[in-house]
Amino acid sequence: MITFRPLVLYGLGVIVGAGIYVALGEVIARAGPAAPFSFVLAGISAALTGLCYAELASRFPESAGAAAYVEIGFESRLMGAMAGTAVTVTVAITTASIARGSVVYLIPKRAEADS
């Protein structure tokens, strides 16, 4: 069972790692002048997602988050297992993205080092 502290630290790590260091430049490059609007839209989406999870957590107070909600909602252990697997894959991809983006700041590029 995940407790409050590790959950908060994981969330902060993802926000800082993926949100600031890895994705910010890419978002601004793609959005151009609409970048502020894209951040407001992402914030609204995140807030609505958080409110949905808060409602589900108050109705079904058990661990396993999304997998438990799907299992209860669809009354299917298979669907719950699929949701749990999807969350696990998402965490793995998020971790790889953060690691890939962070290594740019730790190791200088070869072309820059040779110049």
PDB file of N, CA and C in Angstrom:
ATOM      1  N   MET A   1       0.839  -1.179   0.000  1.00  0.00           N
ATOM      2  CA  MET A   1       0.000   0.000   0.000  1.00  0.00           C
ATOM      3  C   MET A   1       0.885   1.243   0.000  1.00  0.00           C
ATOM      4  N   ILE A   2       0.592   2.140  -0.893  1.00  0.00           N
ATOM      5  CA  ILE A   2       1.365   3.374  -0.970  1.00  0.00           C
ATOM      6  C   ILE A   2       0.804   4.376   0.035  1.00  0.00           C
ATOM      7  N   THR A   3       1.700   5.020   0.740  1.00  0.00           N
ATOM      8  CA  THR A   3       1.274   5.996   1.740  1.00  0.00           C
ATOM      9  C   THR A   3       1.357   7.404   1.148  1.00  0.00           C
ATOM     10  N   PHE A   4       0.948   8.373   1.934  1.00  0.00           N
ATOM     11  CA  PHE A   4       0.856   9.752   1.456  1.00  0.00           C
ATOM     12  C   PHE A   4       2.205  10.319   1.028  1.00  0.00           C
ATOM     13  N   ARG A   5       3.228  10.131   1.845  1.00  0.00           N
ATOM     14  CA  ARG A   5       4.534  10.741   1.567  1.00  0.00           C
ATOM     15  C   ARG A   5       5.147  10.248   0.259  1.00  0.00           C
ATOM     16  N   PRO A   6       5.245   8.912   0.024  1.00  0.00           N
ATOM     17  CA  PRO A   6       5.799   8.473  -1.260  1.00  0.00           C
ATOM     18  C   PRO A   6       4.961   8.934  -2.455  1.00  0.00           C
ATOM     19  N   LEU A   7       3.657   9.000  -2.279  1.00  0.00           N
ATOM     20  CA  LEU A   7       2.792   9.456  -3.365  1.00  0.00           C
ATOM     21  C   LEU A   7       3.077  10.911  -3.711  1.00  0.00           C
ATOM     22  N   VAL A   8       3.227  11.761  -2.704  1.00  0.00           N
ATOM     23  CA  VAL A   8       3.531  13.167  -2.944  1.00  0.00           C
ATOM     24  C   VAL A   8       4.910  13.317  -3.578  1.00  0.00           C
ATOM     25  N   LEU A   9       5.893  12.572  -3.089  1.00  0.00           N
ATOM     26  CA  LEU A   9       7.237  12.661  -3.657  1.00  0.00           C
ATOM     27  C   LEU A   9       7.260  12.179  -5.105  1.00  0.00           C
ATOM     28  N   TYR A  10       6.525  11.122  -5.420  1.00  0.00           N
ATOM     29  CA  TYR A  10       6.440  10.646  -6.800  1.00  0.00           C
ATOM     30  C   TYR A  10       5.806  11.719  -7.687  1.00  0.00           C
ATOM     31  N   GLY A  11       4.715  12.315  -7.219  1.00  0.00           N
ATOM     32  CA  GLY A  11       4.053  13.355  -7.989  1.00  0.00           C
ATOM     33  C   GLY A  11       4.957  14.548  -8.233  1.00  0.00           C
ATOM     34  N   LEU A  12       5.678  14.979  -7.212  1.00  0.00           N
ATOM     35  CA  LEU A  12       6.601  16.097  -7.368  1.00  0.00           C
ATOM     36  C   LEU A  12       7.729  15.762  -8.339  1.00  0.00           C
ATOM     37  N   GLY A  13       8.223  14.534  -8.262  1.00  0.00           N
ATOM     38  CA  GLY A  13       9.282  14.109  -9.178  1.00  0.00           C
ATOM     39  C   GLY A  13       8.833  14.140 -10.621  1.00  0.00           C
ATOM     40  N   VAL A  14       7.632  13.671 -10.870  1.00  0.00           N
ATOM     41  CA  VAL A  14       7.098  13.681 -12.235  1.00  0.00           C
ATOM     42  C   VAL A  14       6.860  15.104 -12.704  1.00  0.00           C
ATOM     43  N   ILE A  15       6.301  15.940 -11.849  1.00  0.00           N
ATOM     44  CA  ILE A  15       6.022  17.326 -12.228  1.00  0.00           C
ATOM     45  C   ILE A  15       7.322  18.064 -12.531  1.00  0.00           C
ATOM     46  N   VAL A  16       8.281  17.953 -11.635  1.00  0.00           N
ATOM     47  CA  VAL A  16       9.542  18.665 -11.830  1.00  0.00           C
ATOM     48  C   VAL A  16      10.320  18.065 -12.991  1.00  0.00           C
ATOM     49  N   GLY A  17      10.416  16.748 -13.029  1.00  0.00           N
ATOM     50  CA  GLY A  17      11.208  16.089 -14.067  1.00  0.00           C
ATOM     51  C   GLY A  17      10.634  16.250 -15.455  1.00  0.00           C
ATOM     52  N   ALA A  18       9.419  15.809 -15.640  1.00  0.00           N
ATOM     53  CA  ALA A  18       8.812  15.850 -16.973  1.00  0.00           C
ATOM     54  C   ALA A  18       8.253  17.221 -17.296  1.00  0.00           C
ATOM     55  N   GLY A  19       7.655  17.865 -16.322  1.00  0.00           N
ATOM     56  CA  GLY A  19       6.977  19.126 -16.588  1.00  0.00           C
ATOM     57  C   GLY A  19       7.898  20.278 -16.864  1.00  0.00           C
ATOM     58  N   ILE A  20       8.971  20.408 -16.094  1.00  0.00           N
ATOM     59  CA  ILE A  20       9.823  21.580 -16.232  1.00  0.00           C
ATOM     60  C   ILE A  20      11.029  21.297 -17.119  1.00  0.00           C
ATOM     61  N   TYR A  21      11.815  20.299 -16.765  1.00  0.00           N
ATOM     62  CA  TYR A  21      13.084  20.092 -17.431  1.00  0.00           C
ATOM     63  C   TYR A  21      12.975  19.418 -18.794  1.00  0.00           C
ATOM     64  N   VAL A  22      12.019  18.543 -18.973  1.00  0.00           N
ATOM     65  CA  VAL A  22      11.958  17.767 -20.201  1.00  0.00           C
ATOM     66  C   VAL A  22      10.985  18.363 -21.206  1.00  0.00           C
ATOM     67  N   ALA A  23       9.771  18.652 -20.789  1.00  0.00           N
ATOM     68  CA  ALA A  23       8.703  18.981 -21.731  1.00  0.00           C
ATOM     69  C   ALA A  23       8.508  20.465 -21.998  1.00  0.00           C
ATOM     70  N   LEU A  24       8.982  21.331 -21.155  1.00  0.00           N
ATOM     71  CA  LEU A  24       8.683  22.748 -21.287  1.00  0.00           C
ATOM     72  C   LEU A  24       9.146  23.326 -22.620  1.00  0.00           C
ATOM     73  N   GLY A  25      10.363  23.085 -22.988  1.00  0.00           N
ATOM     74  CA  GLY A  25      10.880  23.606 -24.260  1.00  0.00           C
ATOM     75  C   GLY A  25      10.134  23.044 -25.456  1.00  0.00           C
ATOM     76  N   GLU A  26       9.811  21.778 -25.408  1.00  0.00           N
ATOM     77  CA  GLU A  26       9.075  21.140 -26.501  1.00  0.00           C
ATOM     78  C   GLU A  26       7.673  21.724 -26.632  1.00  0.00           C
ATOM     79  N   VAL A  27       7.015  21.944 -25.521  1.00  0.00           N
ATOM     80  CA  VAL A  27       5.663  22.515 -25.539  1.00  0.00           C
ATOM     81  C   VAL A  27       5.692  23.921 -26.127  1.00  0.00           C
ATOM     82  N   ILE A  28       6.621  24.717 -25.688  1.00  0.00           N
ATOM     83  CA  ILE A  28       6.700  26.093 -26.175  1.00  0.00           C
ATOM     84  C   ILE A  28       7.051  26.116 -27.658  1.00  0.00           C
ATOM     85  N   ALA A  29       7.939  25.236 -28.093  1.00  0.00           N
ATOM     86  CA  ALA A  29       8.301  25.178 -29.510  1.00  0.00           C
ATOM     87  C   ALA A  29       7.098  24.808 -30.372  1.00  0.00           C
ATOM     88  N   ARG A  30       6.289  23.894 -29.906  1.00  0.00           N
ATOM     89  CA  ARG A  30       5.121  23.468 -30.685  1.00  0.00           C
ATOM     90  C   ARG A  30       3.965  24.460 -30.587  1.00  0.00           C
ATOM     91  N   ALA A  31       3.749  25.024 -29.415  1.00  0.00           N
ATOM     92  CA  ALA A  31       2.590  25.894 -29.212  1.00  0.00           C
ATOM     93  C   ALA A  31       2.843  27.318 -29.693  1.00  0.00           C
ATOM     94  N   GLY A  32       4.081  27.751 -29.692  1.00  0.00           N
ATOM     95  CA  GLY A  32       4.402  29.107 -30.132  1.00  0.00           C
ATOM     96  C   GLY A  32       3.711  30.148 -29.263  1.00  0.00           C
ATOM     97  N   PRO A  33       3.046  31.100 -29.899  1.00  0.00           N
ATOM     98  CA  PRO A  33       2.380  32.154 -29.131  1.00  0.00           C
ATOM     99  C   PRO A  33       1.196  31.656 -28.306  1.00  0.00           C
ATOM    100  N   ALA A  34       0.710  30.460 -28.611  1.00  0.00           N
ATOM    101  CA  ALA A  34      -0.428  29.907 -27.869  1.00  0.00           C
ATOM    102  C   ALA A  34       0.022  29.136 -26.629  1.00  0.00           C
ATOM    103  N   ALA A  35       1.312  29.217 -26.291  1.00  0.00           N
ATOM    104  CA  ALA A  35       1.836  28.466 -25.146  1.00  0.00           C
ATOM    105  C   ALA A  35       1.100  28.773 -23.843  1.00  0.00           C
ATOM    106  N   PRO A  36       0.838  30.035 -23.515  1.00  0.00           N
ATOM    107  CA  PRO A  36       0.103  30.291 -22.265  1.00  0.00           C
ATOM    108  C   PRO A  36      -1.275  29.621 -22.257  1.00  0.00           C
ATOM    109  N   PHE A  37      -1.967  29.667 -23.379  1.00  0.00           N
ATOM    110  CA  PHE A  37      -3.279  29.020 -23.462  1.00  0.00           C
ATOM    111  C   PHE A  37      -3.157  27.512 -23.267  1.00  0.00           C
ATOM    112  N   SER A  38      -2.102  26.908 -23.838  1.00  0.00           N
ATOM    113  CA  SER A  38      -1.934  25.461 -23.688  1.00  0.00           C
ATOM    114  C   SER A  38      -1.670  25.083 -22.230  1.00  0.00           C
ATOM    115  N   PHE A  39      -0.941  25.938 -21.495  1.00  0.00           N
ATOM    116  CA  PHE A  39      -0.692  25.662 -20.081  1.00  0.00           C
ATOM    117  C   PHE A  39      -1.965  25.823 -19.252  1.00  0.00           C
ATOM    118  N   VAL A  40      -2.780  26.815 -19.579  1.00  0.00           N
ATOM    119  CA  VAL A  40      -4.058  26.986 -18.873  1.00  0.00           C
ATOM    120  C   VAL A  40      -4.961  25.783 -19.140  1.00  0.00           C
ATOM    121  N   LEU A  41      -5.021  25.350 -20.385  1.00  0.00           N
ATOM    122  CA  LEU A  41      -5.832  24.185 -20.745  1.00  0.00           C
ATOM    123  C   LEU A  41      -5.340  22.925 -20.029  1.00  0.00           C
ATOM    124  N   ALA A  42      -4.031  22.735 -19.968  1.00  0.00           N
ATOM    125  CA  ALA A  42      -3.469  21.582 -19.251  1.00  0.00           C
ATOM    126  C   ALA A  42      -3.778  21.661 -17.758  1.00  0.00           C
ATOM    127  N   GLY A  43      -3.721  22.859 -17.186  1.00  0.00           N
ATOM    128  CA  GLY A  43      -4.050  23.035 -15.768  1.00  0.00           C
ATOM    129  C   GLY A  43      -5.498  22.707 -15.471  1.00  0.00           C
ATOM    130  N   ILE A  44      -6.396  23.148 -16.341  1.00  0.00           N
ATOM    131  CA  ILE A  44      -7.815  22.832 -16.161  1.00  0.00           C
ATOM    132  C   ILE A  44      -8.039  21.331 -16.257  1.00  0.00           C
ATOM    133  N   SER A  45      -7.398  20.709 -17.235  1.00  0.00           N
ATOM    134  CA  SER A  45      -7.517  19.253 -17.398  1.00  0.00           C
ATOM    135  C   SER A  45      -6.987  18.515 -16.163  1.00  0.00           C
ATOM    136  N   ALA A  46      -5.852  18.951 -15.641  1.00  0.00           N
ATOM    137  CA  ALA A  46      -5.285  18.322 -14.444  1.00  0.00           C
ATOM    138  C   ALA A  46      -6.187  18.513 -13.230  1.00  0.00           C
ATOM    139  N   ALA A  47      -6.773  19.702 -13.115  1.00  0.00           N
ATOM    140  CA  ALA A  47      -7.670  19.973 -11.988  1.00  0.00           C
ATOM    141  C   ALA A  47      -8.913  19.086 -12.054  1.00  0.00           C
ATOM    142  N   LEU A  48      -9.492  18.944 -13.237  1.00  0.00           N
ATOM    143  CA  LEU A  48     -10.670  18.076 -13.385  1.00  0.00           C
ATOM    144  C   LEU A  48     -10.329  16.614 -13.108  1.00  0.00           C
ATOM    145  N   THR A  49      -9.159  16.182 -13.565  1.00  0.00           N
ATOM    146  CA  THR A  49      -8.719  14.816 -13.282  1.00  0.00           C
ATOM    147  C   THR A  49      -8.551  14.607 -11.782  1.00  0.00           C
ATOM    148  N   GLY A  50      -7.937  15.568 -11.107  1.00  0.00           N
ATOM    149  CA  GLY A  50      -7.769  15.478  -9.657  1.00  0.00           C
ATOM    150  C   GLY A  50      -9.096  15.426  -8.921  1.00  0.00           C
ATOM    151  N   LEU A  51     -10.051  16.226  -9.364  1.00  0.00           N
ATOM    152  CA  LEU A  51     -11.375  16.196  -8.740  1.00  0.00           C
ATOM    153  C   LEU A  51     -12.075  14.853  -8.961  1.00  0.00           C
ATOM    154  N   CYS A  52     -11.909  14.284 -10.137  1.00  0.00           N
ATOM    155  CA  CYS A  52     -12.499  12.961 -10.408  1.00  0.00           C
ATOM    156  C   CYS A  52     -11.894  11.901  -9.490  1.00  0.00           C
ATOM    157  N   TYR A  53     -10.561  11.919  -9.353  1.00  0.00           N
ATOM    158  CA  TYR A  53      -9.915  10.948  -8.470  1.00  0.00           C
ATOM    159  C   TYR A  53     -10.318  11.175  -7.011  1.00  0.00           C
ATOM    160  N   ALA A  54     -10.491  12.427  -6.625  1.00  0.00           N
ATOM    161  CA  ALA A  54     -10.921  12.708  -5.255  1.00  0.00           C
ATOM    162  C   ALA A  54     -12.311  12.131  -4.998  1.00  0.00           C
ATOM    163  N   GLU A  55     -13.211  12.284  -5.954  1.00  0.00           N
ATOM    164  CA  GLU A  55     -14.559  11.727  -5.825  1.00  0.00           C
ATOM    165  C   GLU A  55     -14.518  10.201  -5.749  1.00  0.00           C
ATOM    166  N   LEU A  56     -13.741   9.593  -6.630  1.00  0.00           N
ATOM    167  CA  LEU A  56     -13.634   8.130  -6.621  1.00  0.00           C
ATOM    168  C   LEU A  56     -13.007   7.628  -5.320  1.00  0.00           C
ATOM    169  N   ALA A  57     -11.993   8.339  -4.833  1.00  0.00           N
ATOM    170  CA  ALA A  57     -11.340   7.921  -3.593  1.00  0.00           C
ATOM    171  C   ALA A  57     -12.284   8.028  -2.403  1.00  0.00           C
ATOM    172  N   SER A  58     -13.178   9.011  -2.428  1.00  0.00           N
ATOM    173  CA  SER A  58     -14.125   9.120  -1.320  1.00  0.00           C
ATOM    174  C   SER A  58     -15.204   8.038  -1.392  1.00  0.00           C
ATOM    175  N   ARG A  59     -15.525   7.589  -2.588  1.00  0.00           N
ATOM    176  CA  ARG A  59     -16.541   6.537  -2.739  1.00  0.00           C
ATOM    177  C   ARG A  59     -15.967   5.136  -2.531  1.00  0.00           C
ATOM    178  N   PHE A  60     -14.728   4.926  -2.974  1.00  0.00           N
ATOM    179  CA  PHE A  60     -14.085   3.611  -2.873  1.00  0.00           C
ATOM    180  C   PHE A  60     -12.740   3.758  -2.172  1.00  0.00           C
ATOM    181  N   PRO A  61     -12.743   3.850  -0.852  1.00  0.00           N
ATOM    182  CA  PRO A  61     -11.488   4.098  -0.114  1.00  0.00           C
ATOM    183  C   PRO A  61     -10.625   2.835   0.031  1.00  0.00           C
ATOM    184  N   GLU A  62      -9.911   2.500  -1.015  1.00  0.00           N
ATOM    185  CA  GLU A  62      -8.983   1.372  -0.966  1.00  0.00           C
ATOM    186  C   GLU A  62      -7.772   1.691  -1.820  1.00  0.00           C
ATOM    187  N   SER A  63      -6.713   0.921  -1.612  1.00  0.00           N
ATOM    188  CA  SER A  63      -5.499   1.183  -2.375  1.00  0.00           C
ATOM    189  C   SER A  63      -5.640   0.615  -3.784  1.00  0.00           C
ATOM    190  N   ALA A  64      -4.703   0.935  -4.638  1.00  0.00           N
ATOM    191  CA  ALA A  64      -4.595   0.487  -6.021  1.00  0.00           C
ATOM    192  C   ALA A  64      -5.206   1.466  -7.000  1.00  0.00           C
ATOM    193  N   GLY A  65      -5.749   2.563  -6.526  1.00  0.00           N
ATOM    194  CA  GLY A  65      -6.178   3.666  -7.371  1.00  0.00           C
ATOM    195  C   GLY A  65      -7.011   3.278  -8.565  1.00  0.00           C
ATOM    196  N   ALA A  66      -6.485   3.583  -9.743  1.00  0.00           N
ATOM    197  CA  ALA A  66      -7.231   3.406 -10.983  1.00  0.00           C
ATOM    198  C   ALA A  66      -7.664   1.956 -11.189  1.00  0.00           C
ATOM    199  N   ALA A  67      -6.814   1.005 -10.861  1.00  0.00           N
ATOM    200  CA  ALA A  67      -7.173  -0.408 -11.057  1.00  0.00           C
ATOM    201  C   ALA A  67      -8.374  -0.792 -10.203  1.00  0.00           C
ATOM    202  N   ALA A  68      -8.414  -0.333  -8.965  1.00  0.00           N
ATOM    203  CA  ALA A  68      -9.555  -0.639  -8.088  1.00  0.00           C
ATOM    204  C   ALA A  68     -10.830   0.020  -8.598  1.00  0.00           C
ATOM    205  N   TYR A  69     -10.708   1.263  -9.078  1.00  0.00           N
ATOM    206  CA  TYR A  69     -11.886   1.963  -9.580  1.00  0.00           C
ATOM    207  C   TYR A  69     -12.456   1.260 -10.809  1.00  0.00           C
ATOM    208  N   VAL A  70     -11.578   0.844 -11.715  1.00  0.00           N
ATOM    209  CA  VAL A  70     -12.035   0.159 -12.926  1.00  0.00           C
ATOM    210  C   VAL A  70     -12.647  -1.194 -12.576  1.00  0.00           C
ATOM    211  N   GLU A  71     -12.002  -1.922 -11.670  1.00  0.00           N
ATOM    212  CA  GLU A  71     -12.525  -3.230 -11.267  1.00  0.00           C
ATOM    213  C   GLU A  71     -13.923  -3.107 -10.664  1.00  0.00           C
ATOM    214  N   ILE A  72     -14.109  -2.122  -9.809  1.00  0.00           N
ATOM    215  CA  ILE A  72     -15.420  -1.922  -9.179  1.00  0.00           C
ATOM    216  C   ILE A  72     -16.432  -1.405 -10.191  1.00  0.00           C
ATOM    217  N   GLY A  73     -16.020  -0.444 -11.011  1.00  0.00           N
ATOM    218  CA  GLY A  73     -16.927   0.167 -11.977  1.00  0.00           C
ATOM    219  C   GLY A  73     -17.419  -0.801 -13.039  1.00  0.00           C
ATOM    220  N   PHE A  74     -16.513  -1.632 -13.565  1.00  0.00           N
ATOM    221  CA  PHE A  74     -16.885  -2.571 -14.615  1.00  0.00           C
ATOM    222  C   PHE A  74     -17.211  -3.962 -14.082  1.00  0.00           C
ATOM    223  N   GLU A  75     -17.027  -4.137 -12.766  1.00  0.00           N
ATOM    224  CA  GLU A  75     -17.264  -5.433 -12.124  1.00  0.00           C
ATOM    225  C   GLU A  75     -16.517  -6.554 -12.839  1.00  0.00           C
ATOM    226  N   SER A  76     -15.240  -6.285 -13.127  1.00  0.00           N
ATOM    227  CA  SER A  76     -14.423  -7.249 -13.854  1.00  0.00           C
ATOM    228  C   SER A  76     -12.990  -7.193 -13.337  1.00  0.00           C
ATOM    229  N   ARG A  77     -12.506  -8.320 -12.833  1.00  0.00           N
ATOM    230  CA  ARG A  77     -11.120  -8.392 -12.369  1.00  0.00           C
ATOM    231  C   ARG A  77     -10.153  -8.237 -13.541  1.00  0.00           C
ATOM    232  N   LEU A  78     -10.553  -8.742 -14.695  1.00  0.00           N
ATOM    233  CA  LEU A  78      -9.698  -8.631 -15.879  1.00  0.00           C
ATOM    234  C   LEU A  78      -9.493  -7.164 -16.259  1.00  0.00           C
ATOM    235  N   MET A  79     -10.574  -6.393 -16.263  1.00  0.00           N
ATOM    236  CA  MET A  79     -10.461  -4.967 -16.592  1.00  0.00           C
ATOM    237  C   MET A  79      -9.614  -4.238 -15.550  1.00  0.00           C
ATOM    238  N   GLY A  80      -9.755  -4.618 -14.283  1.00  0.00           N
ATOM    239  CA  GLY A  80      -8.934  -4.035 -13.234  1.00  0.00           C
ATOM    240  C   GLY A  80      -7.463  -4.351 -13.429  1.00  0.00           C
ATOM    241  N   ALA A  81      -7.176  -5.595 -13.814  1.00  0.00           N
ATOM    242  CA  ALA A  81      -5.791  -5.997 -14.067  1.00  0.00           C
ATOM    243  C   ALA A  81      -5.227  -5.253 -15.278  1.00  0.00           C
ATOM    244  N   MET A  82      -6.054  -5.062 -16.290  1.00  0.00           N
ATOM    245  CA  MET A  82      -5.602  -4.323 -17.469  1.00  0.00           C
ATOM    246  C   MET A  82      -5.309  -2.862 -17.116  1.00  0.00           C
ATOM    247  N   ALA A  83      -6.148  -2.266 -16.278  1.00  0.00           N
ATOM    248  CA  ALA A  83      -5.914  -0.885 -15.849  1.00  0.00           C
ATOM    249  C   ALA A  83      -4.645  -0.802 -15.008  1.00  0.00           C
ATOM    250  N   GLY A  84      -4.426  -1.763 -14.125  1.00  0.00           N
ATOM    251  CA  GLY A  84      -3.206  -1.790 -13.322  1.00  0.00           C
ATOM    252  C   GLY A  84      -1.963  -1.929 -14.183  1.00  0.00           C
ATOM    253  N   THR A  85      -2.048  -2.773 -15.208  1.00  0.00           N
ATOM    254  CA  THR A  85      -0.931  -2.934 -16.136  1.00  0.00           C
ATOM    255  C   THR A  85      -0.680  -1.646 -16.905  1.00  0.00           C
ATOM    256  N   ALA A  86      -1.748  -0.980 -17.324  1.00  0.00           N
ATOM    257  CA  ALA A  86      -1.602   0.291 -18.043  1.00  0.00           C
ATOM    258  C   ALA A  86      -0.931   1.342 -17.165  1.00  0.00           C
ATOM    259  N   VAL A  87      -1.300   1.393 -15.893  1.00  0.00           N
ATOM    260  CA  VAL A  87      -0.675   2.348 -14.971  1.00  0.00           C
ATOM    261  C   VAL A  87       0.805   2.021 -14.798  1.00  0.00           C
ATOM    262  N   THR A  88       1.133   0.738 -14.675  1.00  0.00           N
ATOM    263  CA  THR A  88       2.529   0.325 -14.527  1.00  0.00           C
ATOM    264  C   THR A  88       3.354   0.713 -15.751  1.00  0.00           C
ATOM    265  N   VAL A  89       2.813   0.498 -16.937  1.00  0.00           N
ATOM    266  CA  VAL A  89       3.511   0.867 -18.169  1.00  0.00           C
ATOM    267  C   VAL A  89       3.669   2.385 -18.248  1.00  0.00           C
ATOM    268  N   THR A  90       2.646   3.111 -17.851  1.00  0.00           N
ATOM    269  CA  THR A  90       2.721   4.572 -17.853  1.00  0.00           C
ATOM    270  C   THR A  90       3.822   5.075 -16.923  1.00  0.00           C
ATOM    271  N   VAL A  91       3.916   4.486 -15.747  1.00  0.00           N
ATOM    272  CA  VAL A  91       4.974   4.876 -14.807  1.00  0.00           C
ATOM    273  C   VAL A  91       6.351   4.566 -15.391  1.00  0.00           C
ATOM    274  N   ALA A  92       6.493   3.429 -16.054  1.00  0.00           N
ATOM    275  CA  ALA A  92       7.776   3.070 -16.663  1.00  0.00           C
ATOM    276  C   ALA A  92       8.147   4.051 -17.773  1.00  0.00           C
ATOM    277  N   ILE A  93       7.184   4.424 -18.604  1.00  0.00           N
ATOM    278  CA  ILE A  93       7.442   5.376 -19.688  1.00  0.00           C
ATOM    279  C   ILE A  93       7.766   6.752 -19.118  1.00  0.00           C
ATOM    280  N   THR A  94       7.044   7.165 -18.082  1.00  0.00           N
ATOM    281  CA  THR A  94       7.307   8.450 -17.440  1.00  0.00           C
ATOM    282  C   THR A  94       8.716   8.485 -16.861  1.00  0.00           C
ATOM    283  N   THR A  95       9.103   7.414 -16.201  1.00  0.00           N
ATOM    284  CA  THR A  95      10.441   7.335 -15.621  1.00  0.00           C
ATOM    285  C   THR A  95      11.509   7.388 -16.698  1.00  0.00           C
ATOM    286  N   ALA A  96      11.304   6.671 -17.799  1.00  0.00           N
ATOM    287  CA  ALA A  96      12.268   6.693 -18.897  1.00  0.00           C
ATOM    288  C   ALA A  96      12.354   8.082 -19.530  1.00  0.00           C
ATOM    289  N   SER A  97      11.224   8.744 -19.666  1.00  0.00           N
ATOM    290  CA  SER A  97      11.209  10.093 -20.230  1.00  0.00           C
ATOM    291  C   SER A  97      11.977  11.065 -19.347  1.00  0.00           C
ATOM    292  N   ILE A  98      11.768  10.973 -18.060  1.00  0.00           N
ATOM    293  CA  ILE A  98      12.481  11.847 -17.123  1.00  0.00           C
ATOM    294  C   ILE A  98      13.976  11.562 -17.170  1.00  0.00           C
ATOM    295  N   ALA A  99      14.348  10.288 -17.186  1.00  0.00           N
ATOM    296  CA  ALA A  99      15.766   9.932 -17.231  1.00  0.00           C
ATOM    297  C   ALA A  99      16.412  10.416 -18.525  1.00  0.00           C
ATOM    298  N   ARG A 100      15.727  10.226 -19.634  1.00  0.00           N
ATOM    299  CA  ARG A 100      16.264  10.660 -20.927  1.00  0.00           C
ATOM    300  C   ARG A 100      16.411  12.173 -20.979  1.00  0.00           C
ATOM    301  N   GLY A 101      15.434  12.879 -20.491  1.00  0.00           N
ATOM    302  CA  GLY A 101      15.500  14.335 -20.505  1.00  0.00           C
ATOM    303  C   GLY A 101      16.511  14.891 -19.522  1.00  0.00           C
ATOM    304  N   SER A 102      16.675  14.231 -18.394  1.00  0.00           N
ATOM    305  CA  SER A 102      17.590  14.724 -17.368  1.00  0.00           C
ATOM    306  C   SER A 102      19.043  14.500 -17.748  1.00  0.00           C
ATOM    307  N   VAL A 103      19.325  13.461 -18.510  1.00  0.00           N
ATOM    308  CA  VAL A 103      20.705  13.163 -18.861  1.00  0.00           C
ATOM    309  C   VAL A 103      21.295  14.273 -19.741  1.00  0.00           C
ATOM    310  N   VAL A 104      20.464  15.009 -20.440  1.00  0.00           N
ATOM    311  CA  VAL A 104      20.937  16.130 -21.252  1.00  0.00           C
ATOM    312  C   VAL A 104      21.604  17.175 -20.369  1.00  0.00           C
ATOM    313  N   TYR A 105      21.101  17.352 -19.168  1.00  0.00           N
ATOM    314  CA  TYR A 105      21.661  18.346 -18.259  1.00  0.00           C
ATOM    315  C   TYR A 105      22.885  17.830 -17.519  1.00  0.00           C
ATOM    316  N   LEU A 106      23.062  16.526 -17.476  1.00  0.00           N
ATOM    317  CA  LEU A 106      24.174  15.944 -16.733  1.00  0.00           C
ATOM    318  C   LEU A 106      25.399  15.680 -17.602  1.00  0.00           C
ATOM    319  N   ILE A 107      25.168  15.293 -18.847  1.00  0.00           N
ATOM    320  CA  ILE A 107      26.265  14.918 -19.739  1.00  0.00           C
ATOM    321  C   ILE A 107      26.283  15.896 -20.906  1.00  0.00           C
ATOM    322  N   PRO A 108      27.390  16.613 -21.113  1.00  0.00           N
ATOM    323  CA  PRO A 108      27.441  17.556 -22.240  1.00  0.00           C
ATOM    324  C   PRO A 108      27.412  16.807 -23.566  1.00  0.00           C
ATOM    325  N   LYS A 109      26.844  17.455 -24.585  1.00  0.00           N
ATOM    326  CA  LYS A 109      26.781  16.842 -25.903  1.00  0.00           C
ATOM    327  C   LYS A 109      28.176  16.729 -26.487  1.00  0.00           C
ATOM    328  N   ARG A 110      28.386  15.710 -27.294  1.00  0.00           N
ATOM    329  CA  ARG A 110      29.703  15.452 -27.886  1.00  0.00           C
ATOM    330  C   ARG A 110      30.163  16.606 -28.772  1.00  0.00           C
ATOM    331  N   ALA A 111      29.262  17.140 -29.588  1.00  0.00           N
ATOM    332  CA  ALA A 111      29.634  18.223 -30.502  1.00  0.00           C
ATOM    333  C   ALA A 111      30.044  19.480 -29.732  1.00  0.00           C
ATOM    334  N   GLU A 112      29.375  19.775 -28.651  1.00  0.00           N
ATOM    335  CA  GLU A 112      29.708  20.946 -27.838  1.00  0.00           C
ATOM    336  C   GLU A 112      31.028  20.739 -27.116  1.00  0.00           C
ATOM    337  N   ALA A 113      31.320  19.528 -26.703  1.00  0.00           N
ATOM    338  CA  ALA A 113      32.550  19.246 -25.978  1.00  0.00           C
ATOM    339  C   ALA A 113      33.762  19.342 -26.895  1.00  0.00           C
ATOM    340  N   ASP A 114      33.595  18.986 -28.201  1.00  0.00           N
ATOM    341  CA  ASP A 114      34.707  19.007 -29.130  1.00  0.00           C
ATOM    342  C   ASP A 114      35.007  20.412 -29.642  1.00  0.00           C
ATOM    343  N   SER A 115      34.053  21.334 -29.612  1.00  0.00           N
ATOM    344  CA  SER A 115      34.256  22.668 -30.172  1.00  0.00           C
ATOM    345  C   SER A 115      35.148  23.530 -29.356  1.00  0.00           C
TER     346      SER A 115
END
